[in-house]
Amino acid sequence: MPVEITMNGQLGLMLPSDDGHRAVLSFVVGDGRIARIDAVRNPDKLRRV
């Protein structure tokens, strides 16, 4: 189940997976619309999440 988080000051979702790794999606919003979605799955970058 996705978990709402804040990543680098932006709204994000943490997505757990069956293999024990996580993925994080962060959303950049401009003019009330999603302008960009950044995805991070590197475990070294997600240690603090």
N, C-alpha and C. Protein backbone atom coordinates (compact mmCIF):
# COMPACT_ATOMS: atom_id res chain seq x y z
N MET A 1 0.85 -1.18 0.00
CA MET A 1 0.00 0.00 0.00
C MET A 1 0.89 1.24 0.00
N PRO A 2 0.67 2.18 -0.90
CA PRO A 2 1.46 3.42 -0.95
C PRO A 2 1.30 4.24 0.33
N VAL A 3 2.38 4.90 0.72
CA VAL A 3 2.39 5.75 1.92
C VAL A 3 2.76 7.16 1.47
N GLU A 4 1.95 8.14 1.88
CA GLU A 4 2.23 9.54 1.54
C GLU A 4 3.41 10.03 2.37
N ILE A 5 4.38 10.67 1.71
CA ILE A 5 5.57 11.20 2.38
C ILE A 5 5.92 12.56 1.79
N THR A 6 6.90 13.23 2.41
CA THR A 6 7.50 14.43 1.85
C THR A 6 8.92 14.07 1.46
N MET A 7 9.28 14.31 0.20
CA MET A 7 10.61 13.98 -0.31
C MET A 7 11.19 15.23 -0.93
N ASN A 8 12.29 15.72 -0.37
CA ASN A 8 12.93 16.96 -0.87
C ASN A 8 11.94 18.12 -0.89
N GLY A 9 11.06 18.17 0.09
CA GLY A 9 10.10 19.26 0.20
C GLY A 9 8.89 19.13 -0.71
N GLN A 10 8.77 18.03 -1.42
CA GLN A 10 7.67 17.81 -2.36
C GLN A 10 6.80 16.65 -1.88
N LEU A 11 5.55 16.70 -2.28
CA LEU A 11 4.64 15.59 -2.01
C LEU A 11 5.16 14.34 -2.69
N GLY A 12 5.08 13.21 -2.01
CA GLY A 12 5.56 11.97 -2.61
C GLY A 12 4.80 10.76 -2.11
N LEU A 13 5.07 9.65 -2.75
CA LEU A 13 4.51 8.36 -2.36
C LEU A 13 5.64 7.36 -2.24
N MET A 14 5.64 6.61 -1.13
CA MET A 14 6.58 5.50 -1.00
C MET A 14 5.83 4.23 -1.35
N LEU A 15 6.42 3.44 -2.24
CA LEU A 15 5.78 2.22 -2.71
C LEU A 15 6.62 1.02 -2.28
N PRO A 16 6.17 0.28 -1.27
CA PRO A 16 6.90 -0.94 -0.89
C PRO A 16 6.69 -2.01 -1.96
N SER A 17 7.60 -2.98 -2.02
CA SER A 17 7.43 -4.07 -2.98
C SER A 17 7.67 -5.40 -2.29
N ASP A 18 7.30 -6.45 -2.93
CA ASP A 18 7.42 -7.79 -2.37
C ASP A 18 8.87 -8.22 -2.16
N ASP A 19 9.80 -7.62 -2.90
CA ASP A 19 11.21 -8.01 -2.77
C ASP A 19 11.92 -7.27 -1.63
N GLY A 20 11.19 -6.45 -0.87
CA GLY A 20 11.77 -5.74 0.27
C GLY A 20 12.35 -4.38 -0.07
N HIS A 21 12.46 -4.06 -1.33
CA HIS A 21 12.95 -2.75 -1.74
C HIS A 21 11.79 -1.78 -1.82
N ARG A 22 12.13 -0.50 -1.80
CA ARG A 22 11.10 0.54 -1.89
C ARG A 22 11.36 1.40 -3.11
N ALA A 23 10.32 2.04 -3.56
CA ALA A 23 10.44 3.06 -4.59
C ALA A 23 9.72 4.29 -4.06
N VAL A 24 10.23 5.45 -4.42
CA VAL A 24 9.59 6.70 -4.02
C VAL A 24 9.32 7.52 -5.28
N LEU A 25 8.11 8.01 -5.37
CA LEU A 25 7.72 8.93 -6.44
C LEU A 25 7.50 10.30 -5.80
N SER A 26 8.13 11.33 -6.33
CA SER A 26 7.87 12.69 -5.84
C SER A 26 7.28 13.49 -6.99
N PHE A 27 6.39 14.39 -6.62
CA PHE A 27 5.61 15.13 -7.61
C PHE A 27 5.94 16.61 -7.54
N VAL A 28 6.30 17.18 -8.67
CA VAL A 28 6.53 18.63 -8.78
C VAL A 28 5.26 19.21 -9.39
N VAL A 29 4.66 20.16 -8.66
CA VAL A 29 3.38 20.73 -9.07
C VAL A 29 3.61 22.18 -9.50
N GLY A 30 3.03 22.53 -10.64
CA GLY A 30 3.09 23.90 -11.14
C GLY A 30 1.74 24.28 -11.72
N ASP A 31 1.26 25.44 -11.36
CA ASP A 31 -0.04 25.92 -11.83
C ASP A 31 -1.17 24.93 -11.51
N GLY A 32 -1.06 24.28 -10.35
CA GLY A 32 -2.12 23.37 -9.92
C GLY A 32 -2.13 22.03 -10.64
N ARG A 33 -1.07 21.74 -11.40
CA ARG A 33 -1.00 20.49 -12.16
C ARG A 33 0.34 19.80 -11.89
N ILE A 34 0.37 18.51 -12.02
CA ILE A 34 1.63 17.78 -11.89
C ILE A 34 2.47 18.09 -13.12
N ALA A 35 3.65 18.69 -12.88
CA ALA A 35 4.54 19.07 -13.97
C ALA A 35 5.62 18.01 -14.21
N ARG A 36 5.96 17.28 -13.14
CA ARG A 36 7.02 16.27 -13.27
C ARG A 36 6.85 15.24 -12.16
N ILE A 37 7.19 14.02 -12.47
CA ILE A 37 7.22 12.93 -11.49
C ILE A 37 8.63 12.38 -11.49
N ASP A 38 9.28 12.40 -10.32
CA ASP A 38 10.61 11.84 -10.18
C ASP A 38 10.50 10.51 -9.44
N ALA A 39 11.18 9.49 -9.92
CA ALA A 39 11.15 8.17 -9.30
C ALA A 39 12.55 7.83 -8.80
N VAL A 40 12.61 7.31 -7.56
CA VAL A 40 13.87 6.88 -6.97
C VAL A 40 13.67 5.46 -6.44
N ARG A 41 14.57 4.56 -6.82
CA ARG A 41 14.52 3.20 -6.31
C ARG A 41 15.86 2.77 -5.72
N ASN A 42 16.87 3.60 -5.86
CA ASN A 42 18.20 3.29 -5.35
C ASN A 42 18.16 3.23 -3.82
N PRO A 43 18.45 2.05 -3.22
CA PRO A 43 18.37 1.93 -1.75
C PRO A 43 19.31 2.87 -1.01
N ASP A 44 20.46 3.21 -1.61
CA ASP A 44 21.37 4.14 -0.95
C ASP A 44 20.77 5.52 -0.81
N LYS A 45 19.94 5.92 -1.75
CA LYS A 45 19.30 7.24 -1.69
C LYS A 45 18.04 7.24 -0.82
N LEU A 46 17.55 6.07 -0.46
CA LEU A 46 16.30 5.97 0.32
C LEU A 46 16.52 5.55 1.76
N ARG A 47 17.74 5.61 2.24
CA ARG A 47 18.03 5.17 3.61
C ARG A 47 17.26 5.96 4.67
N ARG A 48 17.04 7.24 4.45
CA ARG A 48 16.37 8.09 5.45
C ARG A 48 14.85 8.10 5.30
N VAL A 49 14.32 7.41 4.32
CA VAL A 49 12.88 7.43 4.09
C VAL A 49 12.24 6.27 4.81
